[in-house]
Amino acid sequence: MRKRSKYLTVEKKKVFICLPYKGETVSQKIEKRMKGAMKICFPAANQVTLYSTTCSISQSKLDKYPGDVTSNCVYKFTCICGSKYIGRTERRASIWLSEHILRNLRLKGSRYLQSAITRHLVDTGHFVEISKSFKILDIQRTVNLLRFVEASAIKRHRPNLCTQKESVVNLSLPW
């Protein structure tokens, strides 16, 4: 027959600790040391470790360069009627605007209306003032980050002129 313990046991309280994530091996070592110290100092506590990371998409200093010489950027077009479009370009914004918007508005025929912005301007007869209609939202160094920023901007702003593109990163984020 077993002897009963004289001491009553209670459930350990959960203590949440947030640590910066520094790679798998480093984080595991830190967590192990913290749990050891927690058992000695606070035996009635059960440590739950959470890891935080820094955002890899850095905020750019958008005033660093004029908008017309900026490349690798995500831009937003806003028409005078309120219609919006969000896109990205890896080329200088001035070259992209002159080739896709200005040239296509001068040419007639449906085969030149491949741009959603141009198609909207031709269909509605609206005029575009480039300095007011186009705004650079973000600048990134790599194409993958540029695609991600474009996809998140489309998800956030929900522009009505954007149609689903194959080149847009599919976001399955909780927000």
N, C-alpha and C. Protein backbone atom coordinates (compact mmCIF):
# COMPACT_ATOMS: atom_id res chain seq x y z
N MET A 1 0.83 -1.17 0.00
CA MET A 1 0.00 0.00 0.00
C MET A 1 0.89 1.25 0.00
N ARG A 2 0.54 2.20 -0.85
CA ARG A 2 1.32 3.43 -0.98
C ARG A 2 0.90 4.45 0.05
N LYS A 3 1.88 5.18 0.46
CA LYS A 3 1.58 6.26 1.40
C LYS A 3 1.13 7.49 0.62
N ARG A 4 0.19 8.16 1.17
CA ARG A 4 -0.29 9.39 0.55
C ARG A 4 0.62 10.54 0.93
N SER A 5 0.79 11.44 0.00
CA SER A 5 1.61 12.62 0.25
C SER A 5 0.88 13.56 1.19
N LYS A 6 1.64 14.16 2.08
CA LYS A 6 1.05 15.11 3.02
C LYS A 6 0.79 16.46 2.35
N TYR A 7 1.43 16.67 1.21
CA TYR A 7 1.35 17.96 0.55
C TYR A 7 0.32 17.92 -0.57
N LEU A 8 -0.46 18.96 -0.66
CA LEU A 8 -1.39 19.10 -1.76
C LEU A 8 -0.66 19.75 -2.92
N THR A 9 -0.89 19.27 -4.11
CA THR A 9 -0.25 19.87 -5.27
C THR A 9 -1.29 20.70 -6.02
N VAL A 10 -0.84 21.81 -6.54
CA VAL A 10 -1.69 22.68 -7.34
C VAL A 10 -1.08 22.77 -8.73
N GLU A 11 -1.91 23.12 -9.66
CA GLU A 11 -1.43 23.26 -11.03
C GLU A 11 -0.49 24.46 -11.12
N LYS A 12 0.59 24.26 -11.87
CA LYS A 12 1.57 25.34 -12.03
C LYS A 12 0.96 26.47 -12.87
N LYS A 13 1.30 27.69 -12.51
CA LYS A 13 0.85 28.86 -13.26
C LYS A 13 1.70 29.02 -14.50
N LYS A 14 1.07 29.38 -15.60
CA LYS A 14 1.81 29.61 -16.84
C LYS A 14 2.42 31.01 -16.80
N VAL A 15 3.70 31.07 -17.14
CA VAL A 15 4.41 32.34 -17.23
C VAL A 15 4.89 32.46 -18.68
N PHE A 16 4.45 33.50 -19.36
CA PHE A 16 4.81 33.70 -20.76
C PHE A 16 6.03 34.60 -20.84
N ILE A 17 7.00 34.16 -21.62
CA ILE A 17 8.22 34.93 -21.84
C ILE A 17 8.38 35.12 -23.34
N CYS A 18 8.57 36.36 -23.75
CA CYS A 18 8.75 36.67 -25.17
C CYS A 18 10.23 36.95 -25.41
N LEU A 19 10.83 36.16 -26.30
CA LEU A 19 12.25 36.31 -26.62
C LEU A 19 12.40 36.60 -28.11
N PRO A 20 13.44 37.34 -28.49
CA PRO A 20 13.68 37.53 -29.92
C PRO A 20 14.20 36.23 -30.53
N TYR A 21 13.71 35.91 -31.72
CA TYR A 21 14.15 34.69 -32.40
C TYR A 21 15.50 34.96 -33.06
N LYS A 22 16.50 34.15 -32.70
CA LYS A 22 17.86 34.34 -33.21
C LYS A 22 18.37 33.08 -33.91
N GLY A 23 17.51 32.31 -34.50
CA GLY A 23 17.91 31.06 -35.13
C GLY A 23 17.56 29.90 -34.22
N GLU A 24 17.40 28.73 -34.80
CA GLU A 24 16.88 27.59 -34.04
C GLU A 24 17.80 27.17 -32.90
N THR A 25 19.08 26.98 -33.17
CA THR A 25 19.98 26.46 -32.12
C THR A 25 20.17 27.47 -31.00
N VAL A 26 20.35 28.73 -31.33
CA VAL A 26 20.55 29.76 -30.30
C VAL A 26 19.29 29.90 -29.46
N SER A 27 18.13 29.94 -30.10
CA SER A 27 16.87 30.09 -29.37
C SER A 27 16.60 28.91 -28.46
N GLN A 28 16.93 27.70 -28.90
CA GLN A 28 16.73 26.52 -28.06
C GLN A 28 17.64 26.56 -26.83
N LYS A 29 18.88 26.98 -27.00
CA LYS A 29 19.81 27.08 -25.86
C LYS A 29 19.31 28.10 -24.84
N ILE A 30 18.87 29.25 -25.33
CA ILE A 30 18.37 30.29 -24.43
C ILE A 30 17.13 29.80 -23.70
N GLU A 31 16.22 29.15 -24.42
CA GLU A 31 14.99 28.65 -23.79
C GLU A 31 15.32 27.61 -22.72
N LYS A 32 16.26 26.72 -22.99
CA LYS A 32 16.65 25.68 -22.03
C LYS A 32 17.23 26.31 -20.76
N ARG A 33 18.09 27.30 -20.92
CA ARG A 33 18.68 27.98 -19.76
C ARG A 33 17.62 28.74 -18.96
N MET A 34 16.69 29.37 -19.66
CA MET A 34 15.62 30.11 -18.98
C MET A 34 14.72 29.16 -18.19
N LYS A 35 14.41 28.00 -18.78
CA LYS A 35 13.56 27.03 -18.07
C LYS A 35 14.26 26.49 -16.83
N GLY A 36 15.58 26.25 -16.93
CA GLY A 36 16.34 25.80 -15.77
C GLY A 36 16.33 26.82 -14.65
N ALA A 37 16.54 28.08 -15.00
CA ALA A 37 16.53 29.15 -14.00
C ALA A 37 15.13 29.33 -13.42
N MET A 38 14.11 29.16 -14.25
CA MET A 38 12.72 29.30 -13.80
C MET A 38 12.37 28.21 -12.79
N LYS A 39 12.83 26.98 -13.01
CA LYS A 39 12.54 25.88 -12.08
C LYS A 39 13.16 26.13 -10.71
N ILE A 40 14.35 26.72 -10.71
CA ILE A 40 15.04 26.99 -9.44
C ILE A 40 14.40 28.17 -8.72
N CYS A 41 14.17 29.26 -9.42
CA CYS A 41 13.66 30.48 -8.79
C CYS A 41 12.16 30.45 -8.53
N PHE A 42 11.41 29.90 -9.45
CA PHE A 42 9.95 29.88 -9.35
C PHE A 42 9.43 28.47 -9.63
N PRO A 43 9.49 27.58 -8.66
CA PRO A 43 9.09 26.19 -8.91
C PRO A 43 7.60 26.02 -9.21
N ALA A 44 6.77 26.97 -8.86
CA ALA A 44 5.33 26.86 -9.12
C ALA A 44 4.94 27.46 -10.47
N ALA A 45 5.94 27.77 -11.29
CA ALA A 45 5.66 28.38 -12.59
C ALA A 45 5.99 27.41 -13.72
N ASN A 46 5.20 27.49 -14.77
CA ASN A 46 5.44 26.70 -15.97
C ASN A 46 5.73 27.69 -17.10
N GLN A 47 6.96 27.68 -17.61
CA GLN A 47 7.38 28.66 -18.61
C GLN A 47 6.85 28.29 -19.98
N VAL A 48 6.25 29.28 -20.65
CA VAL A 48 5.83 29.16 -22.04
C VAL A 48 6.60 30.23 -22.81
N THR A 49 7.42 29.79 -23.76
CA THR A 49 8.29 30.72 -24.49
C THR A 49 7.65 31.08 -25.82
N LEU A 50 7.57 32.36 -26.08
CA LEU A 50 7.10 32.89 -27.36
C LEU A 50 8.27 33.61 -28.02
N TYR A 51 8.33 33.55 -29.32
CA TYR A 51 9.42 34.19 -30.05
C TYR A 51 8.87 35.31 -30.92
N SER A 52 9.60 36.40 -30.96
CA SER A 52 9.21 37.52 -31.81
C SER A 52 10.30 37.72 -32.85
N THR A 53 9.89 38.22 -34.00
CA THR A 53 10.83 38.51 -35.07
C THR A 53 10.66 39.95 -35.49
N THR A 54 11.67 40.49 -36.12
CA THR A 54 11.56 41.84 -36.67
C THR A 54 11.02 41.74 -38.08
N CYS A 55 10.39 42.77 -38.52
CA CYS A 55 9.81 42.80 -39.86
C CYS A 55 10.93 42.87 -40.89
N SER A 56 10.90 41.95 -41.86
CA SER A 56 11.95 41.94 -42.87
C SER A 56 11.68 42.94 -43.99
N ILE A 57 10.48 43.47 -44.04
CA ILE A 57 10.15 44.48 -45.03
C ILE A 57 10.36 45.83 -44.38
N SER A 58 11.47 46.44 -44.69
CA SER A 58 11.81 47.69 -44.03
C SER A 58 11.04 48.85 -44.67
N GLN A 59 10.77 49.83 -43.87
CA GLN A 59 10.14 51.02 -44.37
C GLN A 59 11.19 51.87 -45.08
N SER A 60 10.90 52.23 -46.28
CA SER A 60 11.86 52.99 -47.06
C SER A 60 11.72 54.47 -46.78
N LYS A 61 12.76 55.19 -47.04
CA LYS A 61 12.71 56.64 -46.97
C LYS A 61 12.30 57.13 -48.35
N LEU A 62 11.01 57.37 -48.53
CA LEU A 62 10.47 57.64 -49.85
C LEU A 62 10.88 59.00 -50.40
N ASP A 63 11.27 59.92 -49.55
CA ASP A 63 11.67 61.24 -50.03
C ASP A 63 13.12 61.26 -50.49
N LYS A 64 13.79 60.13 -50.46
CA LYS A 64 15.20 60.07 -50.81
C LYS A 64 15.44 60.40 -52.28
N TYR A 65 14.57 59.92 -53.17
CA TYR A 65 14.71 60.15 -54.60
C TYR A 65 13.41 60.70 -55.14
N PRO A 66 13.48 61.50 -56.20
CA PRO A 66 12.25 61.95 -56.84
C PRO A 66 11.50 60.76 -57.43
N GLY A 67 10.18 60.86 -57.50
CA GLY A 67 9.36 59.76 -57.95
C GLY A 67 9.64 59.28 -59.36
N ASP A 68 10.07 60.17 -60.25
CA ASP A 68 10.25 59.76 -61.63
C ASP A 68 11.51 58.95 -61.87
N VAL A 69 12.47 58.96 -60.96
CA VAL A 69 13.69 58.15 -61.15
C VAL A 69 13.71 56.93 -60.23
N THR A 70 12.62 56.68 -59.53
CA THR A 70 12.55 55.56 -58.60
C THR A 70 12.27 54.27 -59.36
N SER A 71 12.98 53.20 -59.00
CA SER A 71 12.70 51.88 -59.56
C SER A 71 12.43 50.91 -58.41
N ASN A 72 12.00 49.70 -58.76
CA ASN A 72 11.62 48.68 -57.77
C ASN A 72 10.63 49.25 -56.76
N CYS A 73 9.52 49.74 -57.28
CA CYS A 73 8.56 50.38 -56.39
C CYS A 73 7.15 49.82 -56.59
N VAL A 74 6.36 49.96 -55.55
CA VAL A 74 4.93 49.67 -55.59
C VAL A 74 4.24 51.02 -55.63
N TYR A 75 3.33 51.19 -56.59
CA TYR A 75 2.69 52.49 -56.78
C TYR A 75 1.17 52.34 -56.70
N LYS A 76 0.52 53.46 -56.45
CA LYS A 76 -0.94 53.50 -56.43
C LYS A 76 -1.39 54.59 -57.39
N PHE A 77 -2.31 54.22 -58.28
CA PHE A 77 -2.93 55.17 -59.19
C PHE A 77 -4.33 55.46 -58.68
N THR A 78 -4.67 56.74 -58.57
CA THR A 78 -6.01 57.14 -58.17
C THR A 78 -6.56 58.08 -59.24
N CYS A 79 -7.65 57.67 -59.85
CA CYS A 79 -8.28 58.48 -60.89
C CYS A 79 -9.11 59.58 -60.24
N ILE A 80 -9.50 60.58 -61.03
CA ILE A 80 -10.32 61.67 -60.51
C ILE A 80 -11.70 61.18 -60.06
N CYS A 81 -12.12 60.02 -60.58
CA CYS A 81 -13.42 59.46 -60.18
C CYS A 81 -13.32 58.60 -58.93
N GLY A 82 -12.11 58.39 -58.42
CA GLY A 82 -11.93 57.59 -57.22
C GLY A 82 -11.50 56.16 -57.47
N SER A 83 -11.48 55.73 -58.72
CA SER A 83 -11.02 54.37 -59.03
C SER A 83 -9.54 54.26 -58.73
N LYS A 84 -9.14 53.09 -58.21
CA LYS A 84 -7.75 52.91 -57.79
C LYS A 84 -7.14 51.67 -58.43
N TYR A 85 -5.83 51.73 -58.60
CA TYR A 85 -5.06 50.60 -59.11
C TYR A 85 -3.75 50.56 -58.34
N ILE A 86 -3.31 49.37 -57.98
CA ILE A 86 -2.02 49.20 -57.32
C ILE A 86 -1.19 48.25 -58.16
N GLY A 87 0.04 48.64 -58.42
CA GLY A 87 0.93 47.81 -59.22
C GLY A 87 2.36 47.99 -58.77
N ARG A 88 3.25 47.29 -59.47
CA ARG A 88 4.67 47.38 -59.16
C ARG A 88 5.45 47.49 -60.46
N THR A 89 6.60 48.08 -60.38
CA THR A 89 7.50 48.12 -61.52
C THR A 89 8.93 48.00 -61.03
N GLU A 90 9.73 47.28 -61.79
CA GLU A 90 11.14 47.15 -61.47
C GLU A 90 11.95 48.20 -62.22
N ARG A 91 11.29 48.89 -63.13
CA ARG A 91 11.97 49.90 -63.95
C ARG A 91 11.72 51.29 -63.38
N ARG A 92 12.43 52.26 -63.93
CA ARG A 92 12.22 53.63 -63.48
C ARG A 92 10.79 54.05 -63.78
N ALA A 93 10.18 54.73 -62.84
CA ALA A 93 8.77 55.10 -62.96
C ALA A 93 8.52 56.00 -64.17
N SER A 94 9.44 56.89 -64.49
CA SER A 94 9.24 57.79 -65.63
C SER A 94 9.20 57.02 -66.95
N ILE A 95 10.05 56.01 -67.09
CA ILE A 95 10.05 55.19 -68.31
C ILE A 95 8.77 54.38 -68.40
N TRP A 96 8.37 53.79 -67.28
CA TRP A 96 7.15 52.98 -67.26
C TRP A 96 5.94 53.83 -67.63
N LEU A 97 5.84 55.03 -67.06
CA LEU A 97 4.71 55.90 -67.36
C LEU A 97 4.68 56.31 -68.82
N SER A 98 5.83 56.67 -69.37
CA SER A 98 5.85 57.12 -70.76
C SER A 98 5.52 55.99 -71.73
N GLU A 99 5.97 54.78 -71.44
CA GLU A 99 5.71 53.67 -72.36
C GLU A 99 4.30 53.12 -72.24
N HIS A 100 3.81 52.96 -71.05
CA HIS A 100 2.53 52.27 -70.87
C HIS A 100 1.33 53.20 -70.82
N ILE A 101 1.46 54.35 -70.23
CA ILE A 101 0.30 55.22 -70.08
C ILE A 101 0.23 56.23 -71.22
N LEU A 102 1.24 57.05 -71.33
CA LEU A 102 1.19 58.15 -72.30
C LEU A 102 1.13 57.65 -73.73
N ARG A 103 1.96 56.65 -74.08
CA ARG A 103 1.98 56.13 -75.45
C ARG A 103 0.66 55.45 -75.78
N ASN A 104 0.13 54.67 -74.86
CA ASN A 104 -1.11 53.94 -75.12
C ASN A 104 -2.31 54.86 -75.25
N LEU A 105 -2.29 56.00 -74.60
CA LEU A 105 -3.40 56.94 -74.75
C LEU A 105 -3.40 57.60 -76.12
N ARG A 106 -2.23 57.71 -76.74
CA ARG A 106 -2.15 58.31 -78.08
C ARG A 106 -2.57 57.32 -79.16
N LEU A 107 -2.33 56.03 -78.92
CA LEU A 107 -2.65 55.01 -79.92
C LEU A 107 -4.10 54.58 -79.77
N LYS A 108 -4.72 54.28 -80.86
CA LYS A 108 -6.12 53.84 -80.83
C LYS A 108 -6.17 52.35 -81.14
N GLY A 109 -7.21 51.71 -80.66
CA GLY A 109 -7.40 50.28 -80.91
C GLY A 109 -7.30 49.49 -79.62
N SER A 110 -8.03 48.39 -79.55
CA SER A 110 -8.11 47.62 -78.31
C SER A 110 -6.82 46.86 -78.01
N ARG A 111 -5.99 46.60 -79.01
CA ARG A 111 -4.78 45.83 -78.73
C ARG A 111 -3.77 46.65 -77.92
N TYR A 112 -3.90 47.95 -77.89
CA TYR A 112 -3.00 48.80 -77.13
C TYR A 112 -3.50 49.03 -75.70
N LEU A 113 -4.69 48.56 -75.40
CA LEU A 113 -5.27 48.81 -74.09
C LEU A 113 -5.02 47.64 -73.14
N GLN A 114 -3.77 47.24 -73.02
CA GLN A 114 -3.44 46.12 -72.15
C GLN A 114 -3.36 46.55 -70.70
N SER A 115 -3.09 47.80 -70.45
CA SER A 115 -3.00 48.30 -69.08
C SER A 115 -4.39 48.61 -68.55
N ALA A 116 -4.67 48.20 -67.33
CA ALA A 116 -5.98 48.48 -66.72
C ALA A 116 -6.19 49.97 -66.54
N ILE A 117 -5.12 50.68 -66.28
CA ILE A 117 -5.22 52.14 -66.11
C ILE A 117 -5.59 52.79 -67.43
N THR A 118 -4.89 52.42 -68.50
CA THR A 118 -5.17 52.98 -69.82
C THR A 118 -6.58 52.64 -70.26
N ARG A 119 -6.98 51.40 -70.06
CA ARG A 119 -8.33 50.97 -70.42
C ARG A 119 -9.38 51.81 -69.69
N HIS A 120 -9.15 52.06 -68.41
CA HIS A 120 -10.09 52.87 -67.63
C HIS A 120 -10.15 54.31 -68.15
N LEU A 121 -8.99 54.89 -68.43
CA LEU A 121 -8.95 56.28 -68.91
C LEU A 121 -9.62 56.42 -70.27
N VAL A 122 -9.43 55.44 -71.16
CA VAL A 122 -10.05 55.50 -72.48
C VAL A 122 -11.56 55.29 -72.37
N ASP A 123 -11.97 54.32 -71.55
CA ASP A 123 -13.41 54.02 -71.41
C ASP A 123 -14.18 55.18 -70.78
N THR A 124 -13.60 55.84 -69.81
CA THR A 124 -14.32 56.91 -69.10
C THR A 124 -14.08 58.29 -69.69
N GLY A 125 -13.00 58.46 -70.44
CA GLY A 125 -12.66 59.77 -70.98
C GLY A 125 -12.02 60.70 -69.97
N HIS A 126 -11.60 60.16 -68.84
CA HIS A 126 -10.96 60.97 -67.81
C HIS A 126 -9.54 61.33 -68.21
N PHE A 127 -9.09 62.46 -67.71
CA PHE A 127 -7.71 62.89 -67.93
C PHE A 127 -6.91 62.61 -66.67
N VAL A 128 -5.64 62.35 -66.85
CA VAL A 128 -4.79 62.02 -65.71
C VAL A 128 -3.75 63.11 -65.52
N GLU A 129 -3.62 63.56 -64.29
CA GLU A 129 -2.53 64.46 -63.93
C GLU A 129 -1.53 63.61 -63.16
N ILE A 130 -0.44 63.27 -63.82
CA ILE A 130 0.49 62.26 -63.31
C ILE A 130 1.00 62.59 -61.92
N SER A 131 1.33 63.83 -61.66
CA SER A 131 1.90 64.18 -60.36
C SER A 131 0.91 63.97 -59.21
N LYS A 132 -0.39 64.08 -59.50
CA LYS A 132 -1.40 63.89 -58.46
C LYS A 132 -1.98 62.48 -58.45
N SER A 133 -1.99 61.82 -59.59
CA SER A 133 -2.65 60.52 -59.70
C SER A 133 -1.79 59.36 -59.25
N PHE A 134 -0.48 59.47 -59.41
CA PHE A 134 0.41 58.37 -59.06
C PHE A 134 1.15 58.68 -57.77
N LYS A 135 1.18 57.69 -56.89
CA LYS A 135 1.88 57.83 -55.62
C LYS A 135 2.70 56.56 -55.38
N ILE A 136 3.95 56.73 -55.02
CA ILE A 136 4.80 55.58 -54.71
C ILE A 136 4.52 55.18 -53.27
N LEU A 137 4.08 53.92 -53.09
CA LEU A 137 3.76 53.42 -51.75
C LEU A 137 4.98 52.87 -51.04
N ASP A 138 5.84 52.17 -51.77
CA ASP A 138 6.99 51.53 -51.13
C ASP A 138 8.06 51.26 -52.16
N ILE A 139 9.29 51.15 -51.68
CA ILE A 139 10.45 50.82 -52.50
C ILE A 139 11.14 49.64 -51.84
N GLN A 140 11.48 48.63 -52.62
CA GLN A 140 12.16 47.45 -52.08
C GLN A 140 13.39 47.13 -52.93
N ARG A 141 14.32 46.40 -52.33
CA ARG A 141 15.55 46.05 -53.04
C ARG A 141 15.42 44.78 -53.87
N THR A 142 14.63 43.82 -53.40
CA THR A 142 14.53 42.55 -54.12
C THR A 142 13.15 42.41 -54.76
N VAL A 143 13.10 41.62 -55.83
CA VAL A 143 11.85 41.41 -56.56
C VAL A 143 10.85 40.63 -55.71
N ASN A 144 11.33 39.66 -54.94
CA ASN A 144 10.41 38.88 -54.10
C ASN A 144 9.72 39.75 -53.06
N LEU A 145 10.47 40.62 -52.41
CA LEU A 145 9.85 41.54 -51.45
C LEU A 145 8.91 42.51 -52.16
N LEU A 146 9.29 42.93 -53.35
CA LEU A 146 8.45 43.84 -54.13
C LEU A 146 7.11 43.18 -54.44
N ARG A 147 7.13 41.92 -54.84
CA ARG A 147 5.90 41.18 -55.13
C ARG A 147 5.04 41.03 -53.87
N PHE A 148 5.68 40.75 -52.75
CA PHE A 148 4.95 40.59 -51.49
C PHE A 148 4.31 41.91 -51.06
N VAL A 149 5.05 43.00 -51.16
CA VAL A 149 4.53 44.31 -50.77
C VAL A 149 3.36 44.69 -51.67
N GLU A 150 3.46 44.39 -52.98
CA GLU A 150 2.36 44.67 -53.89
C GLU A 150 1.11 43.88 -53.49
N ALA A 151 1.29 42.60 -53.21
CA ALA A 151 0.15 41.76 -52.84
C ALA A 151 -0.49 42.23 -51.54
N SER A 152 0.32 42.62 -50.57
CA SER A 152 -0.26 43.09 -49.30
C SER A 152 -0.94 44.45 -49.48
N ALA A 153 -0.41 45.30 -50.37
CA ALA A 153 -1.06 46.59 -50.64
C ALA A 153 -2.40 46.39 -51.34
N ILE A 154 -2.45 45.43 -52.27
CA ILE A 154 -3.72 45.13 -52.95
C ILE A 154 -4.73 44.61 -51.94
N LYS A 155 -4.28 43.75 -51.05
CA LYS A 155 -5.19 43.20 -50.04
C LYS A 155 -5.68 44.29 -49.08
N ARG A 156 -4.80 45.24 -48.75
CA ARG A 156 -5.15 46.30 -47.79
C ARG A 156 -6.05 47.36 -48.44
N HIS A 157 -5.71 47.82 -49.65
CA HIS A 157 -6.44 48.93 -50.28
C HIS A 157 -7.66 48.47 -51.10
N ARG A 158 -7.66 47.23 -51.54
CA ARG A 158 -8.73 46.66 -52.37
C ARG A 158 -9.10 47.58 -53.55
N PRO A 159 -8.15 47.84 -54.45
CA PRO A 159 -8.43 48.72 -55.59
C PRO A 159 -9.36 48.05 -56.60
N ASN A 160 -10.29 48.84 -57.15
CA ASN A 160 -11.29 48.26 -58.05
C ASN A 160 -10.77 48.04 -59.47
N LEU A 161 -9.68 48.66 -59.87
CA LEU A 161 -9.15 48.46 -61.22
C LEU A 161 -8.20 47.27 -61.32
N CYS A 162 -7.80 46.71 -60.20
CA CYS A 162 -6.89 45.56 -60.21
C CYS A 162 -7.67 44.30 -60.51
N THR A 163 -7.21 43.58 -61.51
CA THR A 163 -7.74 42.24 -61.75
C THR A 163 -6.68 41.27 -61.28
N GLN A 164 -7.09 40.06 -60.94
CA GLN A 164 -6.13 39.08 -60.41
C GLN A 164 -5.05 38.82 -61.45
N LYS A 165 -3.81 38.97 -61.02
CA LYS A 165 -2.67 38.75 -61.90
C LYS A 165 -1.96 37.48 -61.48
N GLU A 166 -1.36 36.78 -62.43
CA GLU A 166 -0.59 35.58 -62.11
C GLU A 166 0.68 35.94 -61.36
N SER A 167 1.19 37.14 -61.57
CA SER A 167 2.46 37.52 -60.96
C SER A 167 2.32 38.02 -59.53
N VAL A 168 1.09 38.14 -59.05
CA VAL A 168 0.89 38.62 -57.68
C VAL A 168 1.04 37.44 -56.73
N VAL A 169 1.74 37.66 -55.65
CA VAL A 169 1.93 36.63 -54.64
C VAL A 169 0.59 36.38 -53.95
N ASN A 170 0.20 35.12 -53.85
CA ASN A 170 -1.05 34.78 -53.19
C ASN A 170 -0.85 34.84 -51.69
N LEU A 171 -1.58 35.71 -51.03
CA LEU A 171 -1.43 35.88 -49.59
C LEU A 171 -2.49 35.06 -48.87
N SER A 172 -2.07 34.27 -47.94
CA SER A 172 -3.01 33.56 -47.07
C SER A 172 -2.72 34.00 -45.65
N LEU A 173 -2.80 35.29 -45.44
CA LEU A 173 -2.52 35.87 -44.14
C LEU A 173 -3.82 36.07 -43.37
N PRO A 174 -3.77 36.08 -42.05
CA PRO A 174 -5.00 36.17 -41.26
C PRO A 174 -5.73 37.50 -41.37
N TRP A 175 -5.09 38.55 -41.80
CA TRP A 175 -5.80 39.82 -41.89
C TRP A 175 -6.30 40.00 -43.29
